[in-house]
Full PDB file with SEQRES, HELIX, SHEET, SSBOND, CRYST1, ORIGX, SCALE, CONECT and MASTER records, all heavy atoms in Angstrom:
SEQRES   1 A   32  ALA GLU VAL VAL ALA LEU ARG LYS ALA GLY THR ARG ALA          
SEQRES   2 A   32  ARG GLY ALA THR LEU TYR VAL ASN LEU GLU PRO CYS ALA          
SEQRES   3 A   32  HIS THR GLY ARG THR GLY                                      
HELIX    1 AA1 GLU A    2  ALA A    9  1                                   8    
HELIX    2 AA2 GLY A   10  ALA A   13  5                                   4    
CRYST1    1.000    1.000    1.000  90.00  90.00  90.00 P 1           1          
ORIGX1      1.000000  0.000000  0.000000        0.00000                         
ORIGX2      0.000000  1.000000  0.000000        0.00000                         
ORIGX3      0.000000  0.000000  1.000000        0.00000                         
SCALE1      1.000000  0.000000  0.000000        0.00000                         
SCALE2      0.000000  1.000000  0.000000        0.00000                         
SCALE3      0.000000  0.000000  1.000000        0.00000                         
ATOM      1  N   ALA A   1     121.491 139.473 113.526  1.00  0.00           N  
ATOM      2  CA  ALA A   1     122.194 139.985 114.676  1.00  0.00           C  
ATOM      3  C   ALA A   1     121.382 140.978 115.458  1.00  0.00           C  
ATOM      4  O   ALA A   1     121.376 140.909 116.696  1.00  0.00           O  
ATOM      5  CB  ALA A   1     123.535 140.625 114.166  1.00  0.00           C  
ATOM      6  N   GLU A   2     120.657 141.856 114.766  1.00  0.00           N  
ATOM      7  CA  GLU A   2     119.915 142.953 115.438  1.00  0.00           C  
ATOM      8  C   GLU A   2     118.779 142.250 116.341  1.00  0.00           C  
ATOM      9  O   GLU A   2     118.614 142.714 117.480  1.00  0.00           O  
ATOM     10  CB  GLU A   2     119.254 143.811 114.436  1.00  0.00           C  
ATOM     11  CG  GLU A   2     120.184 144.586 113.549  1.00  0.00           C  
ATOM     12  CD  GLU A   2     120.487 143.867 112.225  1.00  0.00           C  
ATOM     13  OE1 GLU A   2     120.566 142.612 112.247  1.00  0.00           O  
ATOM     14  OE2 GLU A   2     120.562 144.540 111.202  1.00  0.00           O  
ATOM     15  N   VAL A   3     118.152 141.209 115.803  1.00  0.00           N  
ATOM     16  CA  VAL A   3     117.128 140.562 116.619  1.00  0.00           C  
ATOM     17  C   VAL A   3     117.686 139.857 117.813  1.00  0.00           C  
ATOM     18  O   VAL A   3     117.149 139.860 118.881  1.00  0.00           O  
ATOM     19  CB  VAL A   3     116.324 139.581 115.666  1.00  0.00           C  
ATOM     20  CG1 VAL A   3     115.343 138.711 116.505  1.00  0.00           C  
ATOM     21  CG2 VAL A   3     115.632 140.319 114.574  1.00  0.00           C  
ATOM     22  N   VAL A   4     118.838 139.199 117.652  1.00  0.00           N  
ATOM     23  CA  VAL A   4     119.510 138.493 118.766  1.00  0.00           C  
ATOM     24  C   VAL A   4     119.834 139.496 119.847  1.00  0.00           C  
ATOM     25  O   VAL A   4     119.561 139.268 121.020  1.00  0.00           O  
ATOM     26  CB  VAL A   4     120.786 137.756 118.276  1.00  0.00           C  
ATOM     27  CG1 VAL A   4     121.592 137.150 119.506  1.00  0.00           C  
ATOM     28  CG2 VAL A   4     120.461 136.674 117.256  1.00  0.00           C  
ATOM     29  N   ALA A   5     120.388 140.645 119.438  1.00  0.00           N  
ATOM     30  CA  ALA A   5     120.709 141.687 120.415  1.00  0.00           C  
ATOM     31  C   ALA A   5     119.477 142.275 121.120  1.00  0.00           C  
ATOM     32  O   ALA A   5     119.477 142.515 122.351  1.00  0.00           O  
ATOM     33  CB  ALA A   5     121.530 142.770 119.741  1.00  0.00           C  
ATOM     34  N   LEU A   6     118.439 142.470 120.334  1.00  0.00           N  
ATOM     35  CA  LEU A   6     117.156 142.997 120.933  1.00  0.00           C  
ATOM     36  C   LEU A   6     116.594 142.060 121.949  1.00  0.00           C  
ATOM     37  O   LEU A   6     116.034 142.452 122.962  1.00  0.00           O  
ATOM     38  CB  LEU A   6     116.138 143.330 119.802  1.00  0.00           C  
ATOM     39  CG  LEU A   6     116.426 144.528 118.956  1.00  0.00           C  
ATOM     40  CD1 LEU A   6     115.477 144.545 117.771  1.00  0.00           C  
ATOM     41  CD2 LEU A   6     116.354 145.826 119.754  1.00  0.00           C  
ATOM     42  N   ARG A   7     116.635 140.781 121.656  1.00  0.00           N  
ATOM     43  CA  ARG A   7     116.077 139.752 122.605  1.00  0.00           C  
ATOM     44  C   ARG A   7     116.831 139.839 123.932  1.00  0.00           C  
ATOM     45  O   ARG A   7     116.196 139.694 124.986  1.00  0.00           O  
ATOM     46  CB  ARG A   7     116.203 138.377 122.017  1.00  0.00           C  
ATOM     47  CG  ARG A   7     115.218 138.123 120.852  1.00  0.00           C  
ATOM     48  CD  ARG A   7     115.476 136.809 120.189  1.00  0.00           C  
ATOM     49  NE  ARG A   7     114.553 136.519 119.073  1.00  0.00           N  
ATOM     50  CZ  ARG A   7     114.737 135.518 118.219  1.00  0.00           C  
ATOM     51  NH1 ARG A   7     115.775 134.711 118.291  1.00  0.00           N  
ATOM     52  NH2 ARG A   7     113.839 135.368 117.218  1.00  0.00           N  
ATOM     53  N   LYS A   8     118.184 140.055 123.861  1.00  0.00           N  
ATOM     54  CA  LYS A   8     118.910 140.103 125.050  1.00  0.00           C  
ATOM     55  C   LYS A   8     118.714 141.384 125.854  1.00  0.00           C  
ATOM     56  O   LYS A   8     118.676 141.439 127.073  1.00  0.00           O  
ATOM     57  CB  LYS A   8     120.410 139.925 124.719  1.00  0.00           C  
ATOM     58  CG  LYS A   8     120.795 138.523 124.212  1.00  0.00           C  
ATOM     59  CD  LYS A   8     122.287 138.465 123.950  1.00  0.00           C  
ATOM     60  CE  LYS A   8     122.652 137.060 123.460  1.00  0.00           C  
ATOM     61  NZ  LYS A   8     124.102 136.981 123.144  1.00  0.00           N  
ATOM     62  N   ALA A   9     118.478 142.459 125.081  1.00  0.00           N  
ATOM     63  CA  ALA A   9     118.268 143.775 125.710  1.00  0.00           C  
ATOM     64  C   ALA A   9     116.910 143.934 126.350  1.00  0.00           C  
ATOM     65  O   ALA A   9     116.759 144.598 127.397  1.00  0.00           O  
ATOM     66  CB  ALA A   9     118.467 144.894 124.639  1.00  0.00           C  
ATOM     67  N   GLY A  10     115.909 143.314 125.731  1.00  0.00           N  
ATOM     68  CA  GLY A  10     114.538 143.408 126.257  1.00  0.00           C  
ATOM     69  C   GLY A  10     114.079 144.866 126.272  1.00  0.00           C  
ATOM     70  O   GLY A  10     114.327 145.632 125.295  1.00  0.00           O  
ATOM     71  N   THR A  11     113.422 145.263 127.422  1.00  0.00           N  
ATOM     72  CA  THR A  11     112.911 146.644 127.482  1.00  0.00           C  
ATOM     73  C   THR A  11     113.978 147.667 127.581  1.00  0.00           C  
ATOM     74  O   THR A  11     113.662 148.888 127.312  1.00  0.00           O  
ATOM     75  CB  THR A  11     111.961 146.739 128.695  1.00  0.00           C  
ATOM     76  OG1 THR A  11     112.700 146.394 129.870  1.00  0.00           O  
ATOM     77  CG2 THR A  11     110.732 145.795 128.557  1.00  0.00           C  
ATOM     78  N   ARG A  12     115.198 147.237 127.880  1.00  0.00           N  
ATOM     79  CA  ARG A  12     116.291 148.232 127.965  1.00  0.00           C  
ATOM     80  C   ARG A  12     116.709 148.769 126.616  1.00  0.00           C  
ATOM     81  O   ARG A  12     117.527 149.709 126.581  1.00  0.00           O  
ATOM     82  CB  ARG A  12     117.463 147.647 128.701  1.00  0.00           C  
ATOM     83  CG  ARG A  12     117.217 147.310 130.175  1.00  0.00           C  
ATOM     84  CD  ARG A  12     118.388 146.646 130.875  1.00  0.00           C  
ATOM     85  NE  ARG A  12     118.706 145.295 130.292  1.00  0.00           N  
ATOM     86  CZ  ARG A  12     119.716 144.566 130.603  1.00  0.00           C  
ATOM     87  NH1 ARG A  12     120.602 145.009 131.557  1.00  0.00           N  
ATOM     88  NH2 ARG A  12     119.919 143.386 130.065  1.00  0.00           N  
ATOM     89  N   ALA A  13     116.190 148.228 125.588  1.00  0.00           N  
ATOM     90  CA  ALA A  13     116.516 148.709 124.228  1.00  0.00           C  
ATOM     91  C   ALA A  13     115.860 150.038 123.947  1.00  0.00           C  
ATOM     92  O   ALA A  13     116.261 150.807 123.073  1.00  0.00           O  
ATOM     93  CB  ALA A  13     116.126 147.706 123.155  1.00  0.00           C  
ATOM     94  N   ARG A  14     114.803 150.413 124.711  1.00  0.00           N  
ATOM     95  CA  ARG A  14     114.044 151.624 124.410  1.00  0.00           C  
ATOM     96  C   ARG A  14     114.956 152.821 124.726  1.00  0.00           C  
ATOM     97  O   ARG A  14     115.529 152.951 125.804  1.00  0.00           O  
ATOM     98  CB  ARG A  14     112.834 151.738 125.251  1.00  0.00           C  
ATOM     99  CG  ARG A  14     111.847 152.910 124.886  1.00  0.00           C  
ATOM    100  CD  ARG A  14     110.440 152.632 125.344  1.00  0.00           C  
ATOM    101  NE  ARG A  14     109.852 151.436 124.710  1.00  0.00           N  
ATOM    102  CZ  ARG A  14     109.319 151.434 123.497  1.00  0.00           C  
ATOM    103  NH1 ARG A  14     109.296 152.534 122.753  1.00  0.00           N  
ATOM    104  NH2 ARG A  14     108.805 150.304 122.995  1.00  0.00           N  
ATOM    105  N   GLY A  15     115.135 153.693 123.740  1.00  0.00           N  
ATOM    106  CA  GLY A  15     115.961 154.913 123.860  1.00  0.00           C  
ATOM    107  C   GLY A  15     117.512 154.636 123.712  1.00  0.00           C  
ATOM    108  O   GLY A  15     118.288 155.530 123.842  1.00  0.00           O  
ATOM    109  N   ALA A  16     117.828 153.365 123.389  1.00  0.00           N  
ATOM    110  CA  ALA A  16     119.272 153.005 123.228  1.00  0.00           C  
ATOM    111  C   ALA A  16     119.849 153.200 121.887  1.00  0.00           C  
ATOM    112  O   ALA A  16     119.087 153.495 120.924  1.00  0.00           O  
ATOM    113  CB  ALA A  16     119.424 151.532 123.753  1.00  0.00           C  
ATOM    114  N   THR A  17     121.144 152.953 121.778  1.00  0.00           N  
ATOM    115  CA  THR A  17     121.839 153.054 120.476  1.00  0.00           C  
ATOM    116  C   THR A  17     122.250 151.652 120.034  1.00  0.00           C  
ATOM    117  O   THR A  17     122.726 150.912 120.852  1.00  0.00           O  
ATOM    118  CB  THR A  17     123.121 153.972 120.593  1.00  0.00           C  
ATOM    119  OG1 THR A  17     122.703 155.304 120.919  1.00  0.00           O  
ATOM    120  CG2 THR A  17     123.921 153.925 119.312  1.00  0.00           C  
ATOM    121  N   LEU A  18     122.006 151.379 118.772  1.00  0.00           N  
ATOM    122  CA  LEU A  18     122.409 150.153 118.140  1.00  0.00           C  
ATOM    123  C   LEU A  18     123.657 150.404 117.221  1.00  0.00           C  
ATOM    124  O   LEU A  18     123.645 151.298 116.468  1.00  0.00           O  
ATOM    125  CB  LEU A  18     121.340 149.494 117.336  1.00  0.00           C  
ATOM    126  CG  LEU A  18     121.704 148.335 116.412  1.00  0.00           C  
ATOM    127  CD1 LEU A  18     121.741 147.067 117.298  1.00  0.00           C  
ATOM    128  CD2 LEU A  18     120.706 148.135 115.262  1.00  0.00           C  
ATOM    129  N   TYR A  19     124.663 149.554 117.446  1.00  0.00           N  
ATOM    130  CA  TYR A  19     125.823 149.555 116.534  1.00  0.00           C  
ATOM    131  C   TYR A  19     125.773 148.289 115.706  1.00  0.00           C  
ATOM    132  O   TYR A  19     125.717 147.163 116.269  1.00  0.00           O  
ATOM    133  CB  TYR A  19     127.091 149.599 117.323  1.00  0.00           C  
ATOM    134  CG  TYR A  19     127.228 150.890 118.122  1.00  0.00           C  
ATOM    135  CD1 TYR A  19     126.688 150.969 119.424  1.00  0.00           C  
ATOM    136  CD2 TYR A  19     127.872 152.012 117.611  1.00  0.00           C  
ATOM    137  CE1 TYR A  19     126.762 152.109 120.184  1.00  0.00           C  
ATOM    138  CE2 TYR A  19     128.005 153.171 118.359  1.00  0.00           C  
ATOM    139  CZ  TYR A  19     127.446 153.244 119.681  1.00  0.00           C  
ATOM    140  OH  TYR A  19     127.494 154.389 120.414  1.00  0.00           O  
ATOM    141  N   VAL A  20     125.878 148.384 114.385  1.00  0.00           N  
ATOM    142  CA  VAL A  20     125.763 147.207 113.513  1.00  0.00           C  
ATOM    143  C   VAL A  20     126.740 147.423 112.270  1.00  0.00           C  
ATOM    144  O   VAL A  20     126.785 148.574 111.750  1.00  0.00           O  
ATOM    145  CB  VAL A  20     124.342 146.936 113.120  1.00  0.00           C  
ATOM    146  CG1 VAL A  20     123.745 148.072 112.268  1.00  0.00           C  
ATOM    147  CG2 VAL A  20     124.188 145.597 112.354  1.00  0.00           C  
ATOM    148  N   ASN A  21     127.350 146.383 111.890  1.00  0.00           N  
ATOM    149  CA  ASN A  21     128.371 146.560 110.791  1.00  0.00           C  
ATOM    150  C   ASN A  21     127.736 146.611 109.384  1.00  0.00           C  
ATOM    151  O   ASN A  21     128.417 146.862 108.444  1.00  0.00           O  
ATOM    152  CB  ASN A  21     129.459 145.498 110.834  1.00  0.00           C  
ATOM    153  CG  ASN A  21     128.885 144.084 110.722  1.00  0.00           C  
ATOM    154  OD1 ASN A  21     128.262 143.615 111.549  1.00  0.00           O  
ATOM    155  ND2 ASN A  21     129.199 143.406 109.603  1.00  0.00           N  
ATOM    156  N   LEU A  22     126.420 146.230 109.285  1.00  0.00           N  
ATOM    157  CA  LEU A  22     125.779 146.261 107.944  1.00  0.00           C  
ATOM    158  C   LEU A  22     124.328 146.841 108.125  1.00  0.00           C  
ATOM    159  O   LEU A  22     123.697 146.527 109.161  1.00  0.00           O  
ATOM    160  CB  LEU A  22     125.744 144.817 107.382  1.00  0.00           C  
ATOM    161  CG  LEU A  22     125.265 144.728 105.897  1.00  0.00           C  
ATOM    162  CD1 LEU A  22     126.316 145.276 104.969  1.00  0.00           C  
ATOM    163  CD2 LEU A  22     124.993 143.293 105.540  1.00  0.00           C  
ATOM    164  N   GLU A  23     123.924 147.550 107.166  1.00  0.00           N  
ATOM    165  CA  GLU A  23     122.553 148.078 107.143  1.00  0.00           C  
ATOM    166  C   GLU A  23     121.515 147.085 107.526  1.00  0.00           C  
ATOM    167  O   GLU A  23     121.486 146.012 106.930  1.00  0.00           O  
ATOM    168  CB  GLU A  23     122.307 148.692 105.804  1.00  0.00           C  
ATOM    169  CG  GLU A  23     120.883 149.253 105.619  1.00  0.00           C  
ATOM    170  CD  GLU A  23     120.645 149.771 104.202  1.00  0.00           C  
ATOM    171  OE1 GLU A  23     121.544 149.617 103.318  1.00  0.00           O  
ATOM    172  OE2 GLU A  23     119.561 150.338 103.979  1.00  0.00           O  
ATOM    173  N   PRO A  24     120.622 147.407 108.484  1.00  0.00           N  
ATOM    174  CA  PRO A  24     119.491 146.456 108.761  1.00  0.00           C  
ATOM    175  C   PRO A  24     118.571 146.258 107.552  1.00  0.00           C  
ATOM    176  O   PRO A  24     118.287 147.158 106.856  1.00  0.00           O  
ATOM    177  CB  PRO A  24     118.786 147.123 109.937  1.00  0.00           C  
ATOM    178  CG  PRO A  24     119.846 148.030 110.576  1.00  0.00           C  
ATOM    179  CD  PRO A  24     120.647 148.543 109.401  1.00  0.00           C  
ATOM    180  N   CYS A  25     118.075 145.059 107.418  1.00  0.00           N  
ATOM    181  CA  CYS A  25     117.204 144.760 106.294  1.00  0.00           C  
ATOM    182  C   CYS A  25     115.811 145.285 106.567  1.00  0.00           C  
ATOM    183  O   CYS A  25     115.363 145.420 107.733  1.00  0.00           O  
ATOM    184  CB  CYS A  25     117.112 143.277 106.037  1.00  0.00           C  
ATOM    185  SG  CYS A  25     116.397 142.310 107.414  1.00  0.00           S  
ATOM    186  N   ALA A  26     115.100 145.630 105.465  1.00  0.00           N  
ATOM    187  CA  ALA A  26     113.766 146.152 105.528  1.00  0.00           C  
ATOM    188  C   ALA A  26     112.804 145.256 104.833  1.00  0.00           C  
ATOM    189  O   ALA A  26     111.641 145.709 104.560  1.00  0.00           O  
ATOM    190  CB  ALA A  26     113.729 147.587 104.999  1.00  0.00           C  
ATOM    191  N   HIS A  27     113.158 144.044 104.443  1.00  0.00           N  
ATOM    192  CA  HIS A  27     112.361 143.182 103.699  1.00  0.00           C  
ATOM    193  C   HIS A  27     112.176 141.847 104.432  1.00  0.00           C  
ATOM    194  O   HIS A  27     112.961 141.553 105.308  1.00  0.00           O  
ATOM    195  CB  HIS A  27     112.912 142.937 102.328  1.00  0.00           C  
ATOM    196  CG  HIS A  27     114.163 142.161 102.311  1.00  0.00           C  
ATOM    197  ND1 HIS A  27     115.377 142.761 102.655  1.00  0.00           N  
ATOM    198  CD2 HIS A  27     114.494 140.823 101.996  1.00  0.00           C  
ATOM    199  CE1 HIS A  27     116.301 141.820 102.622  1.00  0.00           C  
ATOM    200  NE2 HIS A  27     115.831 140.689 102.182  1.00  0.00           N  
ATOM    201  N   THR A  28     111.195 141.061 104.027  1.00  0.00           N  
ATOM    202  CA  THR A  28     110.989 139.757 104.688  1.00  0.00           C  
ATOM    203  C   THR A  28     111.662 138.682 103.808  1.00  0.00           C  
ATOM    204  O   THR A  28     111.320 138.583 102.651  1.00  0.00           O  
ATOM    205  CB  THR A  28     109.501 139.494 104.843  1.00  0.00           C  
ATOM    206  OG1 THR A  28     108.939 140.427 105.696  1.00  0.00           O  
ATOM    207  CG2 THR A  28     109.249 138.116 105.472  1.00  0.00           C  
ATOM    208  N   GLY A  29     112.546 137.978 104.388  1.00  0.00           N  
ATOM    209  CA  GLY A  29     113.177 136.844 103.711  1.00  0.00           C  
ATOM    210  C   GLY A  29     112.853 135.582 104.483  1.00  0.00           C  
ATOM    211  O   GLY A  29     111.681 135.308 104.759  1.00  0.00           O  
ATOM    212  N   ARG A  30     113.959 134.873 104.846  1.00  0.00           N  
ATOM    213  CA  ARG A  30     113.708 133.732 105.731  1.00  0.00           C  
ATOM    214  C   ARG A  30     113.376 134.193 107.154  1.00  0.00           C  
ATOM    215  O   ARG A  30     112.802 133.410 107.969  1.00  0.00           O  
ATOM    216  CB  ARG A  30     114.946 132.804 105.803  1.00  0.00           C  
ATOM    217  CG  ARG A  30     115.136 132.036 104.527  1.00  0.00           C  
ATOM    218  CD  ARG A  30     116.106 130.888 104.714  1.00  0.00           C  
ATOM    219  NE  ARG A  30     117.348 131.255 104.025  1.00  0.00           N  
ATOM    220  CZ  ARG A  30     118.398 130.372 103.959  1.00  0.00           C  
ATOM    221  NH1 ARG A  30     118.355 129.221 104.517  1.00  0.00           N  
ATOM    222  NH2 ARG A  30     119.523 130.738 103.341  1.00  0.00           N  
ATOM    223  N   THR A  31     113.684 135.452 107.479  1.00  0.00           N  
ATOM    224  CA  THR A  31     113.277 136.044 108.735  1.00  0.00           C  
ATOM    225  C   THR A  31     112.622 137.416 108.440  1.00  0.00           C  
ATOM    226  O   THR A  31     112.621 137.903 107.300  1.00  0.00           O  
ATOM    227  CB  THR A  31     114.538 136.304 109.545  1.00  0.00           C  
ATOM    228  OG1 THR A  31     115.412 137.165 108.961  1.00  0.00           O  
ATOM    229  CG2 THR A  31     115.248 135.005 109.884  1.00  0.00           C  
ATOM    230  N   GLY A  32     111.972 138.006 109.472  1.00  0.00           N  
ATOM    231  CA  GLY A  32     111.317 139.269 109.197  1.00  0.00           C  
ATOM    232  C   GLY A  32     112.252 140.428 109.154  1.00  0.00           C  
ATOM    233  O   GLY A  32     113.463 140.276 109.410  1.00  0.00           O  
TER     234      GLY A  32                                                      
MASTER        0    0    0    2    0    0    0    6  233    1    0    3          
END                                                                             
């Protein structure tokens, strides 16, 4: 979800706030 949202935000993500219902992952699985 975070990556999908970042792709839509583009450069406007810089300095922004992200709301997410589950902790973002820090490991590499099927995705980065």
